[in-house]
N, C-alpha and C. Protein backbone atom coordinates (compact mmCIF):
# COMPACT_ATOMS: atom_id res chain seq x y z
N MET A 1 -22.79 9.46 11.04
CA MET A 1 -21.94 8.44 10.24
C MET A 1 -20.91 8.11 10.99
N LYS A 2 -20.69 6.81 11.13
CA LYS A 2 -19.70 6.06 11.91
C LYS A 2 -18.38 6.33 11.34
N SER A 3 -17.43 6.62 12.53
CA SER A 3 -15.84 7.08 12.31
C SER A 3 -15.37 5.76 11.66
N LEU A 4 -14.27 5.91 10.74
CA LEU A 4 -13.49 4.56 9.99
C LEU A 4 -12.86 4.11 11.46
N LYS A 5 -12.54 2.64 11.01
CA LYS A 5 -11.73 1.96 11.89
C LYS A 5 -10.69 1.07 11.11
N LEU A 6 -9.73 0.90 11.50
CA LEU A 6 -8.67 0.17 10.86
C LEU A 6 -8.93 -1.47 11.23
N LYS A 7 -8.69 -2.47 10.29
CA LYS A 7 -8.59 -3.78 10.38
C LYS A 7 -7.36 -3.95 11.01
N THR A 8 -7.31 -4.47 12.18
CA THR A 8 -5.99 -4.78 13.07
C THR A 8 -5.84 -6.21 13.14
N GLY A 9 -6.70 -7.06 12.82
CA GLY A 9 -6.74 -8.75 12.99
C GLY A 9 -6.45 -9.39 11.73
N PHE A 10 -5.36 -10.05 11.54
CA PHE A 10 -5.11 -10.59 10.15
C PHE A 10 -4.92 -12.26 10.36
N ASN A 11 -5.65 -12.93 11.19
CA ASN A 11 -5.53 -14.42 11.38
C ASN A 11 -6.05 -15.24 10.23
N LYS A 12 -6.78 -14.54 9.39
CA LYS A 12 -7.33 -15.31 8.08
C LYS A 12 -6.51 -15.22 7.12
N GLU A 13 -5.54 -14.40 7.08
CA GLU A 13 -4.48 -14.29 6.12
C GLU A 13 -3.52 -15.43 6.08
N SER A 14 -3.29 -15.86 4.61
CA SER A 14 -2.27 -16.99 4.43
C SER A 14 -0.93 -16.33 5.05
N ASP A 15 0.22 -17.17 5.36
CA ASP A 15 1.43 -16.82 5.64
C ASP A 15 2.08 -15.86 4.72
N SER A 16 1.94 -15.93 3.38
CA SER A 16 2.74 -15.09 2.42
C SER A 16 1.80 -13.82 2.22
N ARG A 17 0.58 -13.94 2.36
CA ARG A 17 -0.31 -12.55 2.21
C ARG A 17 0.07 -11.70 3.49
N LEU A 18 0.06 -12.26 4.63
CA LEU A 18 0.41 -11.65 5.79
C LEU A 18 1.90 -10.81 5.57
N SER A 19 2.49 -11.51 4.93
CA SER A 19 4.08 -10.79 5.00
C SER A 19 4.03 -9.58 3.99
N VAL A 20 3.19 -9.63 2.80
CA VAL A 20 3.12 -8.59 1.83
C VAL A 20 2.20 -7.48 2.48
N ILE A 21 1.07 -7.57 3.36
CA ILE A 21 0.41 -6.74 4.01
C ILE A 21 1.18 -6.12 5.08
N ALA A 22 2.05 -6.67 5.73
CA ALA A 22 2.88 -6.30 6.90
C ALA A 22 3.88 -5.19 6.32
N ALA A 23 4.53 -5.69 5.13
CA ALA A 23 5.55 -4.67 4.37
C ALA A 23 5.09 -3.71 3.83
N PHE A 24 3.77 -3.90 3.33
CA PHE A 24 3.30 -2.60 2.87
C PHE A 24 2.84 -1.55 3.99
N ILE A 25 2.30 -1.99 5.10
CA ILE A 25 2.02 -1.11 6.09
C ILE A 25 3.13 -0.46 6.77
N LEU A 26 4.26 -1.07 6.79
CA LEU A 26 5.70 -0.78 7.32
C LEU A 26 6.16 0.36 6.55
N SER A 27 6.00 0.35 5.22
CA SER A 27 6.39 1.29 4.18
C SER A 27 5.64 2.49 4.28
N CYS A 28 4.39 2.40 4.45
CA CYS A 28 3.52 3.71 4.58
C CYS A 28 3.88 4.45 5.80
N LEU A 29 4.02 3.56 7.10
CA LEU A 29 4.21 4.18 8.38
C LEU A 29 5.64 4.87 8.43
N THR A 30 6.72 4.54 7.65
CA THR A 30 8.02 5.03 7.51
C THR A 30 8.01 6.33 7.17
N ASN A 31 8.45 7.49 8.00
CA ASN A 31 8.40 8.72 7.60
C ASN A 31 7.07 9.32 7.31
N ASN A 32 5.96 8.61 7.89
CA ASN A 32 4.64 9.05 7.60
C ASN A 32 4.48 10.67 8.31
N VAL A 33 4.05 11.36 7.53
CA VAL A 33 3.83 12.87 8.17
C VAL A 33 2.74 12.98 8.97
N PHE A 34 1.83 12.19 9.04
CA PHE A 34 0.69 12.23 10.02
C PHE A 34 0.99 11.76 11.29
N PHE A 35 2.15 10.67 11.19
CA PHE A 35 2.50 10.08 12.51
C PHE A 35 4.10 9.98 12.82
N PRO A 36 4.55 11.29 13.00
CA PRO A 36 5.92 11.55 12.99
C PRO A 36 6.74 10.84 14.27
N ASP A 37 6.03 10.91 15.35
CA ASP A 37 6.31 10.37 16.51
C ASP A 37 6.02 9.00 16.62
N LEU A 38 5.25 8.24 15.92
CA LEU A 38 4.80 6.78 16.01
C LEU A 38 6.24 5.82 16.07
N ASN A 39 5.83 5.14 17.12
CA ASN A 39 7.29 3.95 17.51
C ASN A 39 6.91 2.73 16.59
N ILE A 40 7.68 2.52 15.48
CA ILE A 40 7.49 1.48 14.74
C ILE A 40 8.58 0.45 14.99
N VAL A 41 9.41 0.70 15.92
CA VAL A 41 10.70 -0.31 16.31
C VAL A 41 10.34 -1.74 16.36
N GLU A 42 9.31 -2.10 17.15
CA GLU A 42 9.11 -3.25 17.26
C GLU A 42 8.37 -4.00 16.16
N LEU A 43 7.59 -3.07 15.23
CA LEU A 43 6.78 -3.76 14.19
C LEU A 43 8.01 -3.90 13.18
N THR A 44 9.00 -2.93 12.99
CA THR A 44 9.91 -3.40 11.83
C THR A 44 10.90 -4.56 12.16
N ALA A 45 11.20 -4.80 13.44
CA ALA A 45 11.76 -5.99 13.86
C ALA A 45 10.98 -7.27 13.55
N ALA A 46 9.61 -7.13 13.95
CA ALA A 46 8.69 -8.08 13.66
C ALA A 46 8.66 -8.60 12.32
N VAL A 47 8.38 -7.47 11.34
CA VAL A 47 8.24 -7.91 9.82
C VAL A 47 9.57 -8.25 9.37
N ASP A 48 10.60 -7.98 9.63
CA ASP A 48 11.94 -8.74 9.22
C ASP A 48 12.06 -9.91 9.63
N ALA A 49 12.00 -10.12 10.75
CA ALA A 49 11.90 -11.55 11.46
C ALA A 49 10.95 -12.48 10.87
N TYR A 50 9.83 -12.17 10.58
CA TYR A 50 8.86 -13.03 9.86
C TYR A 50 9.39 -13.30 8.61
N ALA A 51 9.74 -12.20 7.73
CA ALA A 51 10.09 -12.45 6.53
C ALA A 51 10.96 -13.53 6.42
N LYS A 52 12.18 -13.36 7.26
CA LYS A 52 13.29 -14.50 7.08
C LYS A 52 12.68 -15.82 7.82
N ALA A 53 11.82 -15.64 8.77
CA ALA A 53 11.32 -17.09 9.09
C ALA A 53 10.70 -17.96 8.15
N LEU A 54 9.65 -17.09 7.28
CA LEU A 54 8.93 -17.56 6.40
C LEU A 54 9.97 -18.21 5.16
N GLU A 55 11.00 -17.52 4.97
CA GLU A 55 11.73 -18.00 3.97
C GLU A 55 12.39 -19.37 4.49
N ASP A 56 12.77 -19.46 5.55
CA ASP A 56 13.40 -20.51 6.17
C ASP A 56 12.62 -21.65 6.32
N ALA A 57 11.20 -21.49 6.40
CA ALA A 57 10.20 -22.28 6.69
C ALA A 57 9.88 -23.26 5.55
N LYS A 58 10.51 -22.67 4.32
CA LYS A 58 10.43 -23.45 3.00
C LYS A 58 11.25 -24.85 3.10
N SER A 59 11.94 -24.98 3.85
CA SER A 59 12.68 -26.14 4.32
C SER A 59 11.93 -27.14 4.77
N ARG A 60 10.81 -26.96 5.41
CA ARG A 60 9.73 -27.55 5.98
C ARG A 60 10.09 -28.41 7.26
N SER A 61 11.31 -27.97 7.79
CA SER A 61 11.67 -28.60 8.99
C SER A 61 10.73 -28.21 10.23
N ILE A 62 10.85 -29.19 11.09
CA ILE A 62 9.93 -28.88 12.24
C ILE A 62 10.49 -27.54 12.96
N GLU A 63 11.52 -27.34 13.11
CA GLU A 63 12.13 -26.07 13.85
C GLU A 63 11.81 -24.73 12.93
N SER A 64 12.07 -24.93 11.84
CA SER A 64 11.83 -23.74 10.88
C SER A 64 10.33 -23.17 11.05
N VAL A 65 9.56 -24.19 10.68
CA VAL A 65 7.93 -24.08 10.65
C VAL A 65 7.70 -23.47 12.34
N ALA A 66 7.87 -24.03 13.24
CA ALA A 66 7.68 -23.48 14.51
C ALA A 66 8.27 -22.19 14.71
N LYS A 67 9.34 -21.89 14.32
CA LYS A 67 9.91 -20.66 14.33
C LYS A 67 8.81 -19.62 13.64
N LYS A 68 8.58 -19.96 12.27
CA LYS A 68 7.70 -18.99 11.54
C LYS A 68 6.39 -18.81 12.27
N ASN A 69 5.97 -19.81 12.81
CA ASN A 69 4.61 -19.58 13.61
C ASN A 69 4.66 -18.78 14.70
N GLN A 70 5.78 -18.89 15.33
CA GLN A 70 6.00 -17.80 16.57
C GLN A 70 6.23 -16.58 16.08
N CYS A 71 6.92 -16.47 15.09
CA CYS A 71 7.35 -14.96 14.41
C CYS A 71 5.87 -14.37 13.82
N ARG A 72 5.00 -15.21 13.33
CA ARG A 72 3.72 -14.69 12.85
C ARG A 72 2.66 -14.07 14.12
N LEU A 73 3.03 -15.02 15.13
CA LEU A 73 2.20 -14.57 16.47
C LEU A 73 2.68 -13.08 17.05
N VAL A 74 3.93 -12.97 16.82
CA VAL A 74 4.60 -11.74 17.18
C VAL A 74 4.21 -10.69 16.33
N LEU A 75 4.28 -10.86 14.99
CA LEU A 75 3.84 -9.75 14.06
C LEU A 75 2.58 -9.44 14.13
N ALA A 76 1.49 -10.57 14.32
CA ALA A 76 0.14 -10.05 14.34
C ALA A 76 0.05 -9.26 15.56
N GLN A 77 0.66 -9.47 16.75
CA GLN A 77 0.41 -8.53 17.73
C GLN A 77 0.97 -7.03 17.72
N ALA A 78 2.18 -7.13 16.87
CA ALA A 78 2.75 -5.67 16.87
C ALA A 78 1.81 -5.09 15.68
N LEU A 79 1.25 -5.62 14.72
CA LEU A 79 0.39 -4.98 13.87
C LEU A 79 -0.87 -4.43 14.59
N LYS A 80 -1.55 -5.38 15.44
CA LYS A 80 -2.67 -4.97 16.17
C LYS A 80 -2.35 -3.73 17.00
N SER A 81 -1.16 -3.76 17.82
CA SER A 81 -1.05 -2.80 18.76
C SER A 81 -0.50 -1.41 18.17
N VAL A 82 0.17 -1.56 17.01
CA VAL A 82 0.33 0.06 16.38
C VAL A 82 -0.80 0.28 15.82
N GLY A 83 -1.71 -0.74 15.10
CA GLY A 83 -3.08 -0.22 14.46
C GLY A 83 -4.01 0.49 15.59
N LEU A 84 -3.85 -0.23 16.78
CA LEU A 84 -4.92 0.67 17.75
C LEU A 84 -4.34 1.96 18.29
N THR A 85 -2.82 2.03 18.36
CA THR A 85 -2.37 3.20 18.57
C THR A 85 -2.85 4.41 17.62
N ILE A 86 -2.34 4.02 16.34
CA ILE A 86 -2.82 4.89 15.22
C ILE A 86 -4.26 5.37 15.37
N MET A 87 -5.52 4.50 15.64
CA MET A 87 -6.57 4.82 15.76
C MET A 87 -6.74 5.89 16.74
N GLY A 88 -6.09 5.69 17.99
CA GLY A 88 -6.38 6.61 19.19
C GLY A 88 -5.93 7.95 18.59
N ILE A 89 -4.70 8.12 17.84
CA ILE A 89 -4.43 9.39 17.41
C ILE A 89 -5.13 10.03 16.42
N ALA A 90 -5.43 9.27 15.52
CA ALA A 90 -6.32 9.72 14.10
C ALA A 90 -7.65 10.23 14.63
N ASN A 91 -8.28 9.44 15.55
CA ASN A 91 -9.60 9.86 15.97
C ASN A 91 -10.46 9.91 14.91
N GLY A 92 -10.42 8.68 13.97
CA GLY A 92 -11.34 8.96 12.85
C GLY A 92 -10.93 9.69 11.60
N ASP A 93 -10.09 10.21 11.45
CA ASP A 93 -9.67 11.25 10.61
C ASP A 93 -9.13 10.28 9.37
N SER A 94 -9.91 10.48 8.00
CA SER A 94 -9.98 9.45 7.12
C SER A 94 -8.55 9.47 6.22
N ASP A 95 -8.08 10.73 6.19
CA ASP A 95 -6.98 10.97 5.58
C ASP A 95 -5.72 10.47 6.13
N MET A 96 -5.82 10.56 7.54
CA MET A 96 -4.61 9.81 8.51
C MET A 96 -4.92 8.37 8.49
N LEU A 97 -5.81 7.73 8.57
CA LEU A 97 -6.10 6.43 8.74
C LEU A 97 -5.88 5.71 7.22
N ASN A 98 -6.04 6.53 6.11
CA ASN A 98 -5.96 6.13 4.78
C ASN A 98 -4.36 6.03 4.41
N SER A 99 -3.57 6.81 5.22
CA SER A 99 -2.23 7.04 4.69
C SER A 99 -1.46 5.65 5.47
N THR A 100 -2.11 4.91 6.35
CA THR A 100 -1.20 3.94 6.98
C THR A 100 -0.96 2.80 6.44
N GLY A 101 -1.74 2.45 5.28
CA GLY A 101 -1.62 1.19 4.64
C GLY A 101 -2.39 0.02 5.20
N TYR A 102 -2.81 0.12 6.53
CA TYR A 102 -3.69 -0.72 6.86
C TYR A 102 -5.21 -0.74 6.17
N PRO A 103 -5.78 -1.97 6.00
CA PRO A 103 -7.03 -1.94 5.39
C PRO A 103 -8.10 -1.30 6.43
N ILE A 104 -9.11 -0.62 5.85
CA ILE A 104 -10.11 0.05 6.64
C ILE A 104 -11.22 -1.06 6.81
N ALA A 105 -11.46 -1.18 8.15
CA ALA A 105 -12.59 -2.35 8.67
C ALA A 105 -13.96 -2.28 7.89
N LYS A 106 -14.22 -3.38 7.24
CA LYS A 106 -15.72 -3.10 6.43
C LYS A 106 -16.74 -2.79 7.51
N THR A 107 -17.65 -2.04 6.64
CA THR A 107 -18.82 -1.68 7.45
C THR A 107 -19.86 -1.92 6.21
N PRO A 108 -21.27 -2.54 6.71
CA PRO A 108 -22.23 -2.75 5.86
C PRO A 108 -22.45 -1.55 4.83
N GLY A 109 -22.76 -1.96 3.79
CA GLY A 109 -23.15 -0.77 2.55
C GLY A 109 -22.95 -1.68 1.27
N PRO A 110 -23.40 -0.87 0.04
CA PRO A 110 -22.96 -1.25 -1.24
C PRO A 110 -21.61 -1.47 -1.65
N ARG A 111 -21.46 -2.39 -2.52
CA ARG A 111 -20.02 -2.74 -2.80
C ARG A 111 -19.46 -1.70 -4.10
N THR A 112 -19.12 -0.50 -3.46
CA THR A 112 -18.61 0.44 -4.28
C THR A 112 -17.18 0.74 -3.91
N ILE A 113 -16.38 0.96 -4.99
CA ILE A 113 -15.00 1.28 -4.73
C ILE A 113 -14.82 2.69 -4.29
N GLY A 114 -13.62 3.07 -3.69
CA GLY A 114 -13.26 4.49 -3.13
C GLY A 114 -12.16 4.84 -3.86
N ASN A 115 -11.89 6.08 -3.54
CA ASN A 115 -10.77 6.63 -4.24
C ASN A 115 -9.42 5.84 -3.95
N PRO A 116 -8.74 5.77 -4.95
CA PRO A 116 -7.31 4.90 -4.68
C PRO A 116 -6.40 5.87 -3.85
N GLY A 117 -6.59 6.98 -3.64
CA GLY A 117 -5.84 8.03 -2.97
C GLY A 117 -4.21 8.25 -3.31
N THR A 118 -3.40 8.23 -2.32
CA THR A 118 -1.86 8.51 -2.58
C THR A 118 -1.40 7.37 -3.40
N VAL A 119 -0.46 8.05 -4.57
CA VAL A 119 0.28 7.17 -5.32
C VAL A 119 1.61 7.21 -4.80
N PHE A 120 2.12 6.13 -4.17
CA PHE A 120 3.54 5.85 -3.64
C PHE A 120 4.40 5.73 -4.86
N LEU A 121 5.55 6.48 -5.00
CA LEU A 121 6.43 6.47 -5.87
C LEU A 121 7.86 6.46 -5.55
N LYS A 122 8.90 5.46 -6.23
CA LYS A 122 9.98 5.49 -5.70
C LYS A 122 10.91 4.88 -6.97
N PRO A 123 12.12 5.33 -7.04
CA PRO A 123 13.03 4.82 -8.07
C PRO A 123 12.90 3.26 -8.39
N GLY A 124 13.09 2.70 -9.68
CA GLY A 124 13.26 1.36 -9.62
C GLY A 124 14.55 0.95 -9.40
N ILE A 125 14.84 -0.36 -9.75
CA ILE A 125 16.05 -0.88 -9.51
C ILE A 125 17.18 -0.63 -10.68
N SER A 126 16.75 0.11 -11.77
CA SER A 126 17.69 0.78 -12.78
C SER A 126 17.24 1.94 -13.36
N SER A 127 18.00 2.49 -14.09
CA SER A 127 17.88 3.81 -14.60
C SER A 127 16.22 3.53 -15.58
N GLY A 128 15.55 4.74 -15.50
CA GLY A 128 14.56 4.72 -16.38
C GLY A 128 13.28 3.92 -16.01
N ARG A 129 13.37 3.63 -14.65
CA ARG A 129 12.28 2.72 -13.99
C ARG A 129 11.87 3.48 -12.81
N LEU A 130 10.49 3.34 -12.82
CA LEU A 130 9.66 4.13 -11.77
C LEU A 130 8.49 3.13 -11.29
N GLU A 131 8.86 2.95 -9.90
CA GLU A 131 7.60 1.99 -9.27
C GLU A 131 6.43 2.81 -8.66
N ALA A 132 5.28 2.44 -8.83
CA ALA A 132 4.15 3.28 -8.60
C ALA A 132 3.22 2.35 -7.67
N TRP A 133 2.75 2.57 -6.59
CA TRP A 133 1.66 1.67 -6.14
C TRP A 133 0.56 2.77 -5.03
N VAL A 134 -0.53 2.08 -5.14
CA VAL A 134 -1.47 2.64 -4.10
C VAL A 134 -2.08 1.31 -3.07
N LYS A 135 -2.74 1.87 -2.23
CA LYS A 135 -3.21 0.76 -1.16
C LYS A 135 -4.33 0.04 -2.16
N PRO A 136 -4.26 -1.28 -1.95
CA PRO A 136 -5.35 -1.92 -2.42
C PRO A 136 -6.66 -1.50 -2.11
N GLU A 137 -7.57 -1.54 -3.06
CA GLU A 137 -8.94 -0.79 -2.80
C GLU A 137 -9.90 -1.95 -3.33
N LYS A 138 -10.58 -2.53 -2.31
CA LYS A 138 -11.58 -3.74 -2.58
C LYS A 138 -13.03 -2.88 -2.78
N PRO A 139 -13.72 -3.28 -3.69
CA PRO A 139 -13.72 -4.46 -4.49
C PRO A 139 -13.09 -4.37 -5.87
N ALA A 140 -12.13 -3.57 -6.14
CA ALA A 140 -11.68 -3.11 -7.27
C ALA A 140 -10.88 -4.36 -7.80
N PRO A 141 -11.39 -4.88 -8.99
CA PRO A 141 -10.53 -6.09 -9.53
C PRO A 141 -9.41 -5.77 -10.55
N SER A 142 -9.25 -4.32 -10.74
CA SER A 142 -8.17 -4.08 -11.66
C SER A 142 -7.99 -2.55 -11.35
N TYR A 143 -6.68 -2.06 -11.96
CA TYR A 143 -6.42 -0.73 -11.85
C TYR A 143 -5.86 -0.23 -13.06
N LEU A 144 -5.88 1.16 -13.43
CA LEU A 144 -5.36 1.73 -14.78
C LEU A 144 -4.27 2.88 -13.96
N PHE A 145 -2.99 2.71 -14.33
CA PHE A 145 -1.82 3.34 -14.14
C PHE A 145 -1.72 4.50 -15.25
N LEU A 146 -1.62 5.69 -15.10
CA LEU A 146 -1.57 6.54 -16.08
C LEU A 146 -0.40 7.47 -15.83
N ILE A 147 0.61 7.64 -17.00
CA ILE A 147 1.62 8.67 -16.82
C ILE A 147 1.93 9.40 -17.91
N GLY A 148 2.12 10.81 -17.63
CA GLY A 148 2.28 11.84 -18.72
C GLY A 148 3.45 12.71 -18.28
N ASP A 149 4.02 13.31 -19.50
CA ASP A 149 4.95 14.21 -19.27
C ASP A 149 4.58 15.73 -19.28
N THR A 150 3.51 15.96 -19.14
CA THR A 150 3.05 17.32 -19.00
C THR A 150 2.40 17.50 -17.91
N ASP A 151 2.65 18.63 -17.22
CA ASP A 151 1.95 19.05 -15.90
C ASP A 151 0.47 19.41 -16.08
N PRO A 152 -0.31 18.55 -15.47
CA PRO A 152 -1.82 18.95 -15.68
C PRO A 152 -2.26 20.46 -15.43
N GLU A 153 -1.61 20.91 -14.50
CA GLU A 153 -1.93 22.27 -14.00
C GLU A 153 -1.35 23.39 -14.98
N SER A 154 -0.69 22.80 -15.74
CA SER A 154 -0.02 24.06 -16.78
C SER A 154 -1.15 24.50 -17.84
N GLY A 155 -2.04 24.01 -17.97
CA GLY A 155 -3.20 24.47 -18.85
C GLY A 155 -2.93 23.66 -20.35
N GLU A 156 -1.98 22.88 -20.76
CA GLU A 156 -1.84 22.13 -21.91
C GLU A 156 -2.36 20.91 -21.74
N LYS A 157 -2.55 20.19 -23.03
CA LYS A 157 -3.24 18.96 -23.15
C LYS A 157 -2.24 17.84 -22.44
N VAL A 158 -2.79 16.95 -21.68
CA VAL A 158 -1.72 15.87 -21.21
C VAL A 158 -2.17 14.59 -22.03
N GLU A 159 -1.18 14.18 -22.49
CA GLU A 159 -1.26 12.61 -23.28
C GLU A 159 -0.87 11.77 -22.43
N TRP A 160 -2.00 11.24 -21.48
CA TRP A 160 -1.69 10.10 -20.63
C TRP A 160 -1.60 8.73 -21.43
N ILE A 161 -0.61 8.19 -20.97
CA ILE A 161 -0.42 6.67 -21.40
C ILE A 161 -1.02 5.77 -20.46
N HIS A 162 -1.78 4.89 -20.93
CA HIS A 162 -2.53 3.98 -19.88
C HIS A 162 -1.79 2.77 -19.75
N PHE A 163 -1.92 2.02 -18.47
CA PHE A 163 -1.29 0.58 -18.32
C PHE A 163 -2.32 -0.04 -17.25
N GLY A 164 -2.95 -1.12 -17.94
CA GLY A 164 -3.50 -1.90 -16.92
C GLY A 164 -3.00 -2.97 -15.92
N SER A 165 -3.49 -2.97 -14.90
CA SER A 165 -2.84 -4.07 -13.91
C SER A 165 -3.88 -4.75 -13.02
N THR A 166 -3.75 -5.97 -12.82
CA THR A 166 -4.70 -6.56 -11.78
C THR A 166 -4.40 -6.70 -10.30
N VAL A 167 -3.29 -5.80 -9.98
CA VAL A 167 -2.69 -5.78 -8.89
C VAL A 167 -2.31 -3.90 -8.51
N SER A 168 -2.35 -3.51 -7.53
CA SER A 168 -2.24 -2.19 -7.08
C SER A 168 -0.90 -1.65 -7.15
N LYS A 169 -0.09 -2.42 -7.96
CA LYS A 169 1.37 -1.97 -8.14
C LYS A 169 1.74 -1.90 -9.67
N PHE A 170 2.57 -1.03 -10.25
CA PHE A 170 3.15 -1.13 -11.24
C PHE A 170 4.50 -0.53 -11.54
N ILE A 171 5.20 -0.97 -12.58
CA ILE A 171 6.69 -0.52 -12.63
C ILE A 171 6.74 0.22 -14.07
N PHE A 172 6.73 1.51 -14.11
CA PHE A 172 6.86 2.03 -15.41
C PHE A 172 8.34 1.94 -15.87
N THR A 173 8.58 1.74 -17.23
CA THR A 173 9.88 1.56 -17.76
C THR A 173 10.22 2.40 -18.95
N ASP A 174 11.30 2.37 -19.19
CA ASP A 174 11.82 2.97 -20.64
C ASP A 174 11.47 4.38 -20.31
N LEU A 175 11.49 4.99 -19.29
CA LEU A 175 11.40 6.33 -19.02
C LEU A 175 12.63 7.14 -19.30
N VAL A 176 12.55 8.55 -19.60
CA VAL A 176 13.91 9.29 -19.88
C VAL A 176 14.41 9.62 -18.32
N PRO A 177 15.83 9.53 -18.24
CA PRO A 177 16.40 9.75 -16.82
C PRO A 177 16.12 11.25 -16.75
N ARG A 178 15.98 11.52 -15.47
CA ARG A 178 16.04 12.87 -14.66
C ARG A 178 14.93 13.94 -15.42
N LYS A 179 13.91 13.15 -15.96
CA LYS A 179 12.66 13.73 -16.47
C LYS A 179 11.58 13.70 -15.60
N GLN A 180 10.80 14.69 -15.43
CA GLN A 180 9.73 14.91 -14.61
C GLN A 180 8.34 14.03 -15.26
N TYR A 181 7.71 13.19 -14.54
CA TYR A 181 6.57 12.66 -14.95
C TYR A 181 5.50 13.08 -13.93
N TRP A 182 4.32 12.70 -14.42
CA TRP A 182 3.04 12.79 -13.58
C TRP A 182 2.19 11.54 -13.68
N ILE A 183 1.89 11.09 -12.71
CA ILE A 183 1.09 9.76 -12.35
C ILE A 183 -0.17 9.91 -11.68
N LYS A 184 -1.08 9.20 -12.32
CA LYS A 184 -2.32 8.81 -11.42
C LYS A 184 -2.89 7.70 -11.72
N VAL A 185 -3.69 7.08 -10.70
CA VAL A 185 -4.41 5.67 -10.61
C VAL A 185 -5.87 5.78 -10.73
N ILE A 186 -6.39 5.00 -11.50
CA ILE A 186 -7.71 4.88 -11.62
C ILE A 186 -8.23 3.48 -11.20
N ALA A 187 -8.96 3.28 -9.91
CA ALA A 187 -9.51 1.88 -9.52
C ALA A 187 -10.67 1.52 -10.32
N VAL A 188 -10.72 0.44 -11.08
CA VAL A 188 -11.73 -0.12 -11.65
C VAL A 188 -12.41 -1.01 -11.09
N GLY A 189 -13.79 -0.95 -10.80
CA GLY A 189 -14.53 -1.81 -9.98
C GLY A 189 -15.79 -2.65 -10.70
N PRO A 190 -16.64 -3.20 -9.97
CA PRO A 190 -17.65 -4.01 -10.58
C PRO A 190 -18.65 -2.97 -11.28
N ARG A 191 -19.38 -3.62 -12.18
CA ARG A 191 -20.48 -2.87 -12.68
C ARG A 191 -19.87 -1.49 -13.41
N GLY A 192 -18.63 -1.68 -14.14
CA GLY A 192 -18.16 -0.52 -14.72
C GLY A 192 -17.65 0.77 -13.81
N GLN A 193 -17.63 0.74 -12.60
CA GLN A 193 -17.31 1.67 -11.65
C GLN A 193 -15.79 2.19 -12.03
N ARG A 194 -15.52 3.25 -12.13
CA ARG A 194 -14.09 3.99 -12.08
C ARG A 194 -14.02 5.08 -11.25
N VAL A 195 -12.95 5.08 -10.44
CA VAL A 195 -12.66 6.09 -9.52
C VAL A 195 -11.36 6.64 -9.72
N ALA A 196 -10.91 7.69 -10.20
CA ALA A 196 -9.71 8.43 -10.33
C ALA A 196 -9.07 8.93 -8.99
N GLY A 197 -7.90 8.61 -8.73
CA GLY A 197 -7.14 9.38 -7.62
C GLY A 197 -6.36 10.61 -8.00
N PRO A 198 -5.86 11.33 -7.12
CA PRO A 198 -4.97 12.57 -7.40
C PRO A 198 -3.70 12.24 -8.20
N VAL A 199 -3.24 13.46 -8.94
CA VAL A 199 -2.07 13.27 -9.73
C VAL A 199 -0.78 13.57 -8.79
N PHE A 200 0.18 12.78 -9.03
CA PHE A 200 1.38 13.05 -8.16
C PHE A 200 2.70 12.97 -9.22
N SER A 201 3.49 13.50 -8.77
CA SER A 201 4.75 13.74 -9.97
C SER A 201 6.02 12.99 -9.29
N ALA A 202 7.06 12.63 -10.12
CA ALA A 202 8.38 12.31 -9.75
C ALA A 202 9.20 12.30 -10.98
N TYR A 203 10.51 12.50 -10.47
CA TYR A 203 11.63 12.57 -11.53
C TYR A 203 12.02 10.88 -12.00
N ALA A 204 12.16 10.57 -13.01
CA ALA A 204 12.66 9.37 -13.53
C ALA A 204 14.09 9.12 -12.93
N PRO A 205 14.60 8.21 -12.49
CA PRO A 205 16.03 7.84 -11.90
C PRO A 205 16.78 7.91 -13.13
């Protein structure tokens, strides 16, 4: 079995899509337990500079568009450099590679979806809101975000509340502040495929 590799080239991505991918990768690498000593200073600067340049380029001035293109090149190089460093450290370890936010390089095989993996959770912008997201799992066209207020390991029946989403991110609202919730995500793929990820918990802000 061939070892997993990360996709480190993003030339075919649109400007806006690249910004989203880069920001997601950066969020996954920040305080990543698998890579505590990974240097992401240059990547952080490149992500911030590109986001600003992309916004400035909406003016369509020659100078702003040229700046955006230059920042894109710098960001692409930073993503590639960090990605190659990660692969050298991970040595094919799937858990380590999947924790980075980088897409896994495609290998020939059936179009089946994988486990959505880690559910990233953070407080929303206001009380009672909790943001949840997973790494996009292709070719999953949709996701089910499930939330409950009972610990699945308690032995009691969990009343899961389902929310469908066409993207890998969802914001739970109207939660009880300071109450603990349990969340899991199901990736829904072609031909009725469904793959459930592990359960994670967090307190609503």
